């Protein structure tokens, strides 16, 4: 049996992480923050540098007017971006800069697609972008851009000088 290519196991790990992130808080103690905005999310694709997911906006993530709550959008987008990075680096990074622009609202029961992609890598930092669109019409809901950083440097084996 041959070794599994690093990008294959990292992509698989990113998919599992996203799928598990959508588990209810009762099913995954300590993961309640991730579970709420991702409950009901489906992972369509997890490949090197990309995570594509869809979500039907549930009632608990809407405001009094039936709009998908801005905070829930940010939290879901952050997790999709983290998974895109995980598919490349095999680790979850923390956000150090986040910028999101909203274009239109998504309503209760609208199905949205979140497409997160790694844009650039610089030492411990990674730039990632996510587009959120209504699945039926393709209408842009939001675009997020962020820099994420490893909380600890990767451990690299020391090379002998002998």
Protein backbone atom coordinates (compact mmCIF):
# COMPACT_ATOMS: atom_id res chain seq x y z
CA UNK A 1 0.00 0.00 0.00
CA UNK A 2 1.25 3.45 -0.90
CA UNK A 3 1.29 6.52 1.26
CA UNK A 4 -1.67 8.87 1.12
CA UNK A 5 -0.79 12.14 -0.62
CA UNK A 6 -0.71 15.03 1.91
CA UNK A 7 -3.24 17.15 0.02
CA UNK A 8 -5.72 14.23 -0.06
CA UNK A 9 -5.71 13.66 3.70
CA UNK A 10 -5.81 17.40 4.41
CA UNK A 11 -8.82 17.86 2.10
CA UNK A 12 -10.55 14.89 3.75
CA UNK A 13 -9.77 16.34 7.20
CA UNK A 14 -11.19 19.72 6.16
CA UNK A 15 -14.40 18.04 4.95
CA UNK A 16 -14.77 16.08 8.22
CA UNK A 17 -14.07 19.20 10.30
CA UNK A 18 -16.77 21.18 8.46
CA UNK A 19 -19.30 18.35 8.66
CA UNK A 20 -18.61 17.92 12.38
CA UNK A 21 -18.74 21.69 12.95
CA UNK A 22 -22.40 21.60 11.95
CA UNK A 23 -23.22 19.03 14.64
CA UNK A 24 -25.50 20.21 17.39
CA UNK A 25 -23.98 21.45 20.62
CA UNK A 26 -25.38 18.35 22.40
CA UNK A 27 -23.57 16.08 19.93
CA UNK A 28 -20.29 17.97 20.20
CA UNK A 29 -19.71 19.59 23.61
CA UNK A 30 -17.63 22.76 23.38
CA UNK A 31 -18.42 23.26 19.68
CA UNK A 32 -21.67 25.21 20.17
CA UNK A 33 -20.34 28.38 18.55
CA UNK A 34 -19.53 26.51 15.33
CA UNK A 35 -22.63 24.33 15.52
CA UNK A 36 -25.16 27.17 15.46
CA UNK A 37 -24.25 28.95 12.20
CA UNK A 38 -23.41 25.69 10.39
CA UNK A 39 -26.33 23.52 11.47
CA UNK A 40 -27.79 21.87 8.39
CA UNK A 41 -24.82 22.78 6.20
CA UNK A 42 -23.78 20.40 3.42
CA UNK A 43 -20.20 20.15 2.15
CA UNK A 44 -20.26 20.00 -1.66
CA UNK A 45 -16.51 20.09 -2.20
CA UNK A 46 -13.34 20.09 -0.12
CA UNK A 47 -10.19 20.11 -2.21
CA UNK A 48 -6.75 21.67 -1.93
CA UNK A 49 -7.28 25.36 -1.15
CA UNK A 50 -11.06 25.33 -1.50
CA UNK A 51 -14.18 24.54 0.51
CA UNK A 52 -17.66 24.78 -1.07
CA UNK A 53 -20.74 24.40 1.12
CA UNK A 54 -24.46 25.05 0.93
CA UNK A 55 -26.91 25.92 3.66
CA UNK A 56 -30.65 26.50 3.79
CA UNK A 57 -31.13 29.48 6.14
CA UNK A 58 -32.84 28.11 9.29
CA UNK A 59 -35.22 30.09 11.54
CA UNK A 60 -32.76 30.33 14.47
CA UNK A 61 -30.28 32.27 12.29
CA UNK A 62 -32.69 35.00 11.17
CA UNK A 63 -33.59 38.39 12.57
CA UNK A 64 -37.13 39.64 13.29
CA UNK A 65 -37.62 40.45 9.58
CA UNK A 66 -36.64 36.95 8.43
CA UNK A 67 -33.19 37.96 7.12
CA UNK A 68 -30.15 35.74 7.64
CA UNK A 69 -28.45 37.46 10.57
CA UNK A 70 -25.19 39.26 9.70
CA UNK A 71 -23.37 37.69 12.65
CA UNK A 72 -24.38 34.20 11.52
CA UNK A 73 -23.09 34.98 8.02
CA UNK A 74 -19.72 36.06 9.41
CA UNK A 75 -19.41 32.99 11.65
CA UNK A 76 -20.30 30.56 8.84
CA UNK A 77 -17.95 32.30 6.39
CA UNK A 78 -15.12 32.19 8.94
CA UNK A 79 -15.52 28.43 9.32
CA UNK A 80 -15.60 27.85 5.55
CA UNK A 81 -12.40 29.91 5.20
CA UNK A 82 -10.75 27.95 8.03
CA UNK A 83 -11.61 24.69 6.24
CA UNK A 84 -10.11 25.98 2.96
CA UNK A 85 -6.87 26.66 4.82
CA UNK A 86 -7.01 23.30 6.57
CA UNK A 87 -7.21 21.61 3.15
CA UNK A 88 -3.80 23.11 2.33
CA UNK A 89 -1.97 23.21 5.65
CA UNK A 90 -3.67 20.57 7.78
CA UNK A 91 -4.28 22.98 10.68
CA UNK A 92 -6.93 25.45 11.78
CA UNK A 93 -5.69 29.02 11.98
CA UNK A 94 -7.10 32.02 13.84
CA UNK A 95 -8.43 35.17 12.18
CA UNK A 96 -6.23 38.23 12.60
CA UNK A 97 -7.99 40.48 10.08
CA UNK A 98 -11.51 40.08 8.72
CA UNK A 99 -13.38 42.23 6.23
CA UNK A 100 -16.86 41.46 4.93
CA UNK A 101 -19.08 43.34 2.49
CA UNK A 102 -22.81 42.68 2.30
CA UNK A 103 -24.68 43.08 -0.99
CA UNK A 104 -28.15 41.65 -0.49
CA UNK A 105 -30.09 39.76 2.14
CA UNK A 106 -30.76 36.06 2.25
CA UNK A 107 -34.12 35.18 3.74
CA UNK A 108 -35.45 32.34 5.85
CA UNK A 109 -35.31 29.06 3.86
CA UNK A 110 -33.17 30.57 1.04
CA UNK A 111 -30.40 28.18 0.04
CA UNK A 112 -26.99 29.83 -0.06
CA UNK A 113 -23.62 28.61 -1.29
CA UNK A 114 -20.36 29.55 0.45
CA UNK A 115 -17.19 29.20 -1.62
CA UNK A 116 -13.97 29.69 0.38
CA UNK A 117 -10.60 29.80 -1.39
CA UNK A 118 -7.01 30.26 -0.29
CA UNK A 119 -5.64 33.34 -2.05
CA UNK A 120 -2.06 33.61 -0.76
CA UNK A 121 0.31 32.21 1.84
CA UNK A 122 3.05 34.18 3.63
CA UNK A 123 5.06 32.29 6.25
CA UNK A 124 2.52 31.69 9.11
CA UNK A 125 -0.22 33.84 7.55
CA UNK A 126 -2.73 32.82 4.91
CA UNK A 127 -5.12 35.06 2.96
CA UNK A 128 -8.48 33.55 2.16
CA UNK A 129 -11.65 34.82 0.49
CA UNK A 130 -15.24 33.60 0.55
CA UNK A 131 -18.16 34.40 -1.72
CA UNK A 132 -21.67 33.76 -0.48
CA UNK A 133 -24.39 33.56 -3.13
CA UNK A 134 -28.03 32.58 -3.30
CA UNK A 135 -27.91 29.14 -4.86
CA UNK A 136 -31.01 29.53 -7.04
CA UNK A 137 -30.25 32.92 -8.60
CA UNK A 138 -26.48 33.25 -8.10
CA UNK A 139 -27.12 36.67 -6.53
CA UNK A 140 -24.20 37.82 -4.37
CA UNK A 141 -25.05 37.99 -0.65
CA UNK A 142 -21.59 38.80 0.76
CA UNK A 143 -17.86 38.66 0.11
CA UNK A 144 -15.44 38.08 2.96
CA UNK A 145 -11.68 38.48 2.97
CA UNK A 146 -9.44 37.59 5.83
CA UNK A 147 -5.94 36.87 6.99
CA UNK A 148 -5.53 33.90 9.28
CA UNK A 149 -2.44 32.96 11.25
CA UNK A 150 -1.11 29.86 12.94
CA UNK A 151 -1.22 30.32 16.68
CA UNK A 152 2.03 28.35 16.94
CA UNK A 153 4.78 27.87 14.38
CA UNK A 154 4.87 24.51 12.64
CA UNK A 155 7.42 22.18 14.21
CA UNK A 156 10.19 21.45 11.73
CA UNK A 157 12.69 18.71 12.41
CA UNK A 158 16.20 20.00 12.96
CA UNK A 159 18.71 18.92 10.32
CA UNK A 160 22.06 17.54 11.41
CA UNK A 161 25.13 19.45 10.26
CA UNK A 162 27.27 16.33 10.47
